[in-house]
Amino acid sequence: MTEPNTEPENKPGSTEPESDATAEASPKVDLEHLPEGFEYIEKLVDEPAPDDQQIREETGQQTTAHQEQQPYIAFDHVSKSFGDFHVLKDVSFFVNAGETLCILGRSGVGKSVSLQQLMGFYKPDSGRILVAGEDIIDFDEEQMQAIRKKVTMVFQNGALFDSLSIRENVAFPLRENQHLDEDQIQQIVSGLLEMVGVTGQSDELPSSLSTGMKRSVAIARALAAQPEAILYDEPTTMVDPLIAKLMGDLIQKLKYQLKLTSIVVTHDMRFAQRLADRVLFLHEGKARFFGTIDEMKASDDEILCQFLELDELVLPG
């Protein structure tokens, strides 16, 4: 079996946005008797993403309610260099349970490296990284495997097993659960694939899918593992606007229905405004800003204001 590509460096095959073909129609999946822990799938399949007003109200309430609790994920004065190149310089931030942090910044400022350190692919040069109350800096591979059952990552390229069908990719983490029989596994897989809109291509290999659909399948596989937190690396990059909107809607539904803790690396400020409880803005390896969306908009930091102004520019068609 070919292992999924989980190398830290992203190697997209094209710089052009990729459009998803409409999936072939498939029979409606029976979602009425899903195994324990997966009952939410039925609701998420049919329920629309929350509207902007609901997002603003719930985000504000959630951020206030979580102010006093212990963070689920935290960086404490973390620094990381590759040779003479200082990627992260004394960076600190936190994410409370059930909250979403969006990491913004230009390319090469350490956004993806931050996620890769959380997954244990890189070790920081200094500082602490806390996950679920544990400092993971000195964890060995066996200990990190336990962390990766709690925290999973959706890579830019999907990181799917290229020799397995879409269906078998999503079933992979379920087969580690000794309490599920094959019928239950297939029922869960069908529900998850319907939820992300890939049912018509479930027997195909990942190579037949576009970038956006690969990421959708990767989200389905991540959910099959029943994590406590999901890390998304540029989920809306290199896909057309329609697929970016659908991807954003899906992540929103997961946030508000499952209350998953999440970190989203993105260049898309509009997407961050829809989703984030807090924002981390990285510039030249430093945490130039960390706070809520409203606090960011009110900031007079010159570099941050320039970034926001450039994001609002509309290029002529």
Protein backbone atom coordinates (compact mmCIF):
# COMPACT_ATOMS: atom_id res chain seq x y z
CA MET A 1 0.00 0.00 0.00
CA THR A 2 1.31 3.44 -0.86
CA GLU A 3 1.49 5.66 2.21
CA PRO A 4 -0.24 9.04 2.17
CA ASN A 5 1.96 12.04 1.53
CA THR A 6 2.38 13.76 4.89
CA GLU A 7 5.64 15.52 4.14
CA PRO A 8 5.76 19.02 5.62
CA GLU A 9 6.42 20.76 2.30
CA ASN A 10 3.45 21.37 0.05
CA LYS A 11 4.03 20.53 -3.61
CA PRO A 12 0.92 21.48 -5.57
CA GLY A 13 0.99 20.26 -9.13
CA SER A 14 -0.46 23.44 -10.59
CA THR A 15 -0.85 27.06 -9.71
CA GLU A 16 -4.20 27.27 -11.47
CA PRO A 17 -7.49 26.86 -9.59
CA GLU A 18 -9.07 23.51 -10.23
CA SER A 19 -12.76 23.10 -10.90
CA ASP A 20 -14.74 20.11 -9.62
CA ALA A 21 -16.94 18.19 -11.97
CA THR A 22 -20.44 17.48 -10.77
CA ALA A 23 -20.51 14.12 -9.01
CA GLU A 24 -22.52 11.35 -10.58
CA ALA A 25 -25.90 10.91 -8.89
CA SER A 26 -26.06 8.07 -6.39
CA PRO A 27 -28.81 6.47 -4.30
CA LYS A 28 -29.80 8.20 -1.05
CA VAL A 29 -27.90 6.78 1.89
CA ASP A 30 -29.91 5.43 4.83
CA LEU A 31 -28.71 7.54 7.78
CA GLU A 32 -31.35 6.65 10.35
CA HIS A 33 -29.43 4.00 12.31
CA LEU A 34 -25.83 5.13 12.40
CA PRO A 35 -23.52 3.70 15.11
CA GLU A 36 -23.00 5.62 18.34
CA GLY A 37 -20.84 8.71 17.89
CA PHE A 38 -21.79 9.21 14.24
CA GLU A 39 -25.45 10.18 14.60
CA TYR A 40 -24.58 13.78 13.73
CA ILE A 41 -24.03 12.84 10.06
CA GLU A 42 -27.76 12.73 9.28
CA LYS A 43 -28.24 16.27 10.59
CA LEU A 44 -25.20 17.68 8.80
CA VAL A 45 -26.19 16.19 5.44
CA ASP A 46 -29.44 18.18 5.29
CA GLU A 47 -28.75 21.24 7.43
CA PRO A 48 -27.51 24.43 5.72
CA ALA A 49 -24.47 26.30 6.96
CA PRO A 50 -25.28 28.98 9.57
CA ASP A 51 -25.90 32.48 8.20
CA ASP A 52 -23.59 35.42 8.90
CA GLN A 53 -25.78 36.85 11.69
CA GLN A 54 -25.86 33.52 13.53
CA ILE A 55 -22.10 33.20 13.13
CA ARG A 56 -21.46 36.65 14.62
CA GLU A 57 -23.79 36.03 17.57
CA GLU A 58 -22.52 32.53 18.37
CA THR A 59 -18.86 33.43 17.88
CA GLY A 60 -19.15 36.33 20.30
CA GLN A 61 -20.99 34.26 22.89
CA GLN A 62 -18.55 31.38 22.56
CA THR A 63 -15.45 33.56 22.82
CA THR A 64 -16.79 35.22 25.98
CA ALA A 65 -17.80 31.90 27.54
CA HIS A 66 -14.35 30.39 26.88
CA GLN A 67 -12.25 33.26 28.20
CA GLU A 68 -11.53 31.63 31.56
CA GLN A 69 -11.01 28.01 30.50
CA GLN A 70 -7.72 26.22 29.92
CA PRO A 71 -6.72 26.29 26.22
CA TYR A 72 -6.95 23.04 24.27
CA ILE A 73 -3.99 24.07 22.08
CA ALA A 74 -1.33 26.62 22.97
CA PHE A 75 2.01 27.87 21.67
CA ASP A 76 4.16 29.35 24.43
CA HIS A 77 7.10 31.42 23.11
CA VAL A 78 7.80 28.99 20.25
CA SER A 79 10.73 29.57 17.88
CA LYS A 80 11.78 27.50 14.86
CA SER A 81 14.63 27.94 12.39
CA PHE A 82 15.87 26.05 9.35
CA GLY A 83 19.56 26.88 9.16
CA ASP A 84 19.87 30.64 9.13
CA PHE A 85 16.20 31.14 8.22
CA HIS A 86 14.09 31.98 11.28
CA VAL A 87 10.56 30.77 10.46
CA LEU A 88 8.94 31.44 13.85
CA LYS A 89 10.26 33.89 16.42
CA ASP A 90 8.89 33.71 19.97
CA VAL A 91 5.31 33.01 18.85
CA SER A 92 2.53 32.58 21.43
CA PHE A 93 -1.20 31.95 20.92
CA PHE A 94 -3.96 29.67 22.21
CA VAL A 95 -7.15 27.97 21.04
CA ASN A 96 -9.85 27.09 23.56
CA ALA A 97 -11.92 23.91 23.25
CA GLY A 98 -14.62 24.33 20.62
CA GLU A 99 -13.10 27.49 19.17
CA THR A 100 -11.64 28.19 15.75
CA LEU A 101 -8.39 30.07 15.22
CA CYS A 102 -7.55 31.35 11.75
CA ILE A 103 -3.85 31.93 11.01
CA LEU A 104 -3.32 34.69 8.45
CA GLY A 105 -0.23 36.06 6.75
CA ARG A 106 1.68 36.14 3.51
CA SER A 107 3.44 33.07 2.10
CA GLY A 108 6.51 31.86 3.95
CA VAL A 109 5.74 33.38 7.36
CA GLY A 110 5.40 30.08 9.24
CA LYS A 111 1.66 29.37 9.04
CA SER A 112 1.92 25.77 7.82
CA VAL A 113 5.03 25.12 9.92
CA SER A 114 2.95 25.93 13.00
CA LEU A 115 0.50 23.14 12.10
CA GLN A 116 3.30 20.70 11.31
CA GLN A 117 4.83 21.30 14.74
CA LEU A 118 1.47 20.56 16.36
CA MET A 119 1.44 17.21 14.52
CA GLY A 120 5.00 16.44 15.59
CA PHE A 121 6.53 16.58 12.09
CA TYR A 122 8.89 19.31 13.29
CA LYS A 123 10.23 20.04 16.77
CA PRO A 124 10.57 23.69 17.86
CA ASP A 125 13.96 25.06 18.80
CA SER A 126 12.53 26.60 21.97
CA GLY A 127 9.25 27.17 23.75
CA ARG A 128 6.36 24.86 24.60
CA ILE A 129 3.47 23.40 22.60
CA LEU A 130 0.48 22.24 24.64
CA VAL A 131 -2.25 19.92 23.37
CA ALA A 132 -5.10 18.86 25.67
CA GLY A 133 -3.07 19.98 28.67
CA GLU A 134 0.10 18.08 27.70
CA ASP A 135 3.44 19.57 26.65
CA ILE A 136 4.30 17.58 23.50
CA ILE A 137 7.76 19.00 22.88
CA ASP A 138 9.63 15.92 24.12
CA PHE A 139 7.07 13.31 23.02
CA ASP A 140 8.41 10.31 21.13
CA GLU A 141 6.67 8.89 18.05
CA GLU A 142 4.47 6.51 20.07
CA GLN A 143 3.26 9.37 22.25
CA MET A 144 2.65 11.55 19.18
CA GLN A 145 0.52 8.80 17.64
CA ALA A 146 -1.79 9.14 20.65
CA ILE A 147 -1.93 12.93 20.10
CA ARG A 148 -2.74 12.41 16.40
CA LYS A 149 -5.81 10.43 17.40
CA LYS A 150 -7.05 13.55 19.17
CA VAL A 151 -5.81 16.09 16.61
CA THR A 152 -5.89 15.36 12.89
CA MET A 153 -4.85 17.45 9.90
CA VAL A 154 -6.34 18.09 6.46
CA PHE A 155 -3.39 18.72 4.13
CA GLN A 156 -3.49 20.89 1.01
CA ASN A 157 -3.01 17.84 -1.22
CA GLY A 158 -5.41 15.67 0.82
CA ALA A 159 -2.67 13.15 1.77
CA LEU A 160 -4.90 10.25 0.68
CA PHE A 161 -3.71 6.68 0.08
CA ASP A 162 -3.33 6.75 -3.68
CA SER A 163 -3.72 2.96 -4.10
CA LEU A 164 -7.03 2.81 -2.18
CA SER A 165 -10.45 3.85 -3.42
CA ILE A 166 -12.14 6.91 -1.99
CA ARG A 167 -14.41 4.64 0.07
CA GLU A 168 -11.48 2.66 1.47
CA ASN A 169 -9.57 5.85 2.32
CA VAL A 170 -12.43 7.02 4.53
CA ALA A 171 -12.86 3.53 6.03
CA PHE A 172 -9.18 3.29 6.98
CA PRO A 173 -9.39 4.88 10.48
CA LEU A 174 -12.67 3.06 11.18
CA ARG A 175 -11.01 -0.33 10.77
CA GLU A 176 -8.89 0.41 13.84
CA ASN A 177 -12.11 0.44 15.87
CA GLN A 178 -12.65 -3.14 17.03
CA HIS A 179 -16.26 -2.41 17.98
CA LEU A 180 -17.49 -1.81 14.43
CA ASP A 181 -18.48 -4.56 12.03
CA GLU A 182 -18.14 -4.19 8.25
CA ASP A 183 -21.77 -3.16 7.73
CA GLN A 184 -21.41 -0.38 10.28
CA ILE A 185 -18.16 0.80 8.70
CA GLN A 186 -19.73 1.00 5.26
CA GLN A 187 -22.78 2.80 6.65
CA ILE A 188 -20.57 5.44 8.30
CA VAL A 189 -18.42 5.83 5.18
CA SER A 190 -21.49 6.30 2.98
CA GLY A 191 -22.86 8.92 5.35
CA LEU A 192 -19.59 10.84 5.55
CA LEU A 193 -19.14 10.81 1.77
CA GLU A 194 -22.70 12.05 1.27
CA MET A 195 -22.03 14.80 3.79
CA VAL A 196 -19.01 16.06 1.80
CA GLY A 197 -20.66 15.49 -1.59
CA VAL A 198 -18.47 12.74 -3.06
CA THR A 199 -20.81 9.74 -3.08
CA GLY A 200 -20.92 9.37 -6.86
CA GLN A 201 -17.17 8.73 -7.04
CA SER A 202 -16.65 6.59 -3.96
CA ASP A 203 -15.15 3.63 -5.87
CA GLU A 204 -12.63 5.70 -7.81
CA LEU A 205 -8.98 6.34 -6.89
CA PRO A 206 -7.86 9.73 -5.54
CA SER A 207 -6.00 10.49 -8.78
CA SER A 208 -9.37 10.92 -10.52
CA LEU A 209 -10.45 13.73 -8.18
CA SER A 210 -9.83 17.45 -8.35
CA THR A 211 -8.03 19.32 -5.60
CA GLY A 212 -11.26 20.42 -3.93
CA MET A 213 -12.77 16.93 -3.90
CA LYS A 214 -9.56 15.44 -2.48
CA ARG A 215 -9.80 17.87 0.41
CA SER A 216 -13.46 16.98 0.92
CA VAL A 217 -12.54 13.30 1.13
CA ALA A 218 -9.70 14.18 3.52
CA ILE A 219 -12.22 15.93 5.80
CA ALA A 220 -14.47 12.84 5.70
CA ARG A 221 -11.52 10.63 6.64
CA ALA A 222 -10.53 13.01 9.43
CA LEU A 223 -14.06 12.85 10.87
CA ALA A 224 -14.03 9.04 10.69
CA ALA A 225 -11.25 9.12 13.28
CA GLN A 226 -13.54 11.05 15.69
CA PRO A 227 -10.92 13.67 16.60
CA GLU A 228 -11.23 16.40 19.19
CA ALA A 229 -9.56 18.95 16.89
CA ILE A 230 -8.91 19.40 13.16
CA LEU A 231 -6.15 21.44 11.53
CA TYR A 232 -6.87 22.75 8.01
CA ASP A 233 -3.96 23.83 5.80
CA GLU A 234 -5.24 26.32 3.19
CA PRO A 235 -8.58 24.52 2.59
CA THR A 236 -9.84 27.05 0.02
CA THR A 237 -6.60 27.57 -1.94
CA MET A 238 -6.33 26.41 -5.59
CA VAL A 239 -10.04 25.67 -5.99
CA ASP A 240 -12.68 27.64 -7.86
CA PRO A 241 -14.93 30.08 -5.93
CA LEU A 242 -17.93 27.72 -5.87
CA ILE A 243 -15.93 24.87 -4.34
CA ALA A 244 -14.27 27.30 -1.91
CA LYS A 245 -17.75 28.38 -0.78
CA LEU A 246 -18.90 24.76 -0.35
CA MET A 247 -15.73 23.93 1.58
CA GLY A 248 -16.27 26.91 3.84
CA ASP A 249 -19.89 25.91 4.45
CA LEU A 250 -18.81 22.39 5.42
CA ILE A 251 -16.18 23.60 7.88
CA GLN A 252 -18.72 26.00 9.38
CA LYS A 253 -21.26 23.23 9.90
CA LEU A 254 -18.63 21.06 11.60
CA LYS A 255 -17.71 23.95 13.88
CA TYR A 256 -21.23 24.81 14.98
CA GLN A 257 -22.74 21.31 15.14
CA LEU A 258 -19.82 19.26 16.49
CA LYS A 259 -18.09 22.05 18.45
CA LEU A 260 -14.74 20.80 17.18
CA THR A 261 -11.63 22.75 18.07
CA SER A 262 -9.95 23.85 14.86
CA ILE A 263 -7.09 25.85 13.39
CA VAL A 264 -7.41 27.09 9.81
CA VAL A 265 -4.41 28.39 7.87
CA THR A 266 -5.71 30.69 5.15
CA HIS A 267 -4.95 33.70 2.96
CA ASP A 268 -8.68 34.41 2.67
CA MET A 269 -9.72 37.18 5.05
CA ARG A 270 -13.39 36.88 4.07
CA PHE A 271 -13.31 33.21 4.99
CA ALA A 272 -11.64 34.03 8.30
CA GLN A 273 -14.32 36.59 9.10
CA ARG A 274 -17.01 33.92 8.65
CA LEU A 275 -15.33 31.34 10.82
CA ALA A 276 -12.81 32.66 13.33
CA ASP A 277 -13.25 33.18 17.05
CA ARG A 278 -9.73 34.55 17.08
CA VAL A 279 -7.11 35.43 14.48
CA LEU A 280 -3.33 35.09 14.52
CA PHE A 281 -1.50 37.31 12.03
CA LEU A 282 2.08 36.23 11.35
CA HIS A 283 4.60 38.61 9.78
CA GLU A 284 8.30 37.85 9.31
CA GLY A 285 7.99 34.94 11.72
CA LYS A 286 6.44 36.95 14.55
CA ALA A 287 2.93 37.06 15.96
CA ARG A 288 2.12 40.59 14.83
CA PHE A 289 -1.48 40.30 16.07
CA PHE A 290 -3.54 37.83 18.11
CA GLY A 291 -7.14 38.56 19.04
CA THR A 292 -10.73 38.62 17.84
CA ILE A 293 -11.92 39.77 14.41
CA ASP A 294 -13.33 42.99 15.91
CA GLU A 295 -10.04 43.70 17.69
CA MET A 296 -8.18 43.12 14.43
CA LYS A 297 -10.39 45.55 12.52
CA ALA A 298 -9.81 48.16 15.22
CA SER A 299 -6.02 47.69 15.21
CA ASP A 300 -3.82 50.55 14.02
CA ASP A 301 -0.83 48.29 13.37
CA GLU A 302 0.62 49.50 10.06
CA ILE A 303 1.59 46.07 8.66
CA LEU A 304 -1.74 44.50 9.60
CA CYS A 305 -3.68 47.41 8.07
CA GLN A 306 -1.72 47.04 4.83
CA PHE A 307 -2.55 43.33 4.71
CA LEU A 308 -6.26 44.00 5.25
CA GLU A 309 -6.31 46.76 2.64
CA LEU A 310 -4.65 44.54 0.02
CA ASP A 311 -7.10 41.74 0.79
CA GLU A 312 -10.00 44.03 -0.04
CA LEU A 313 -8.65 44.97 -3.47
CA VAL A 314 -10.73 43.67 -6.36
CA LEU A 315 -8.74 42.96 -9.51
CA PRO A 316 -10.41 43.99 -12.80
CA GLY A 317 -11.91 41.16 -14.83
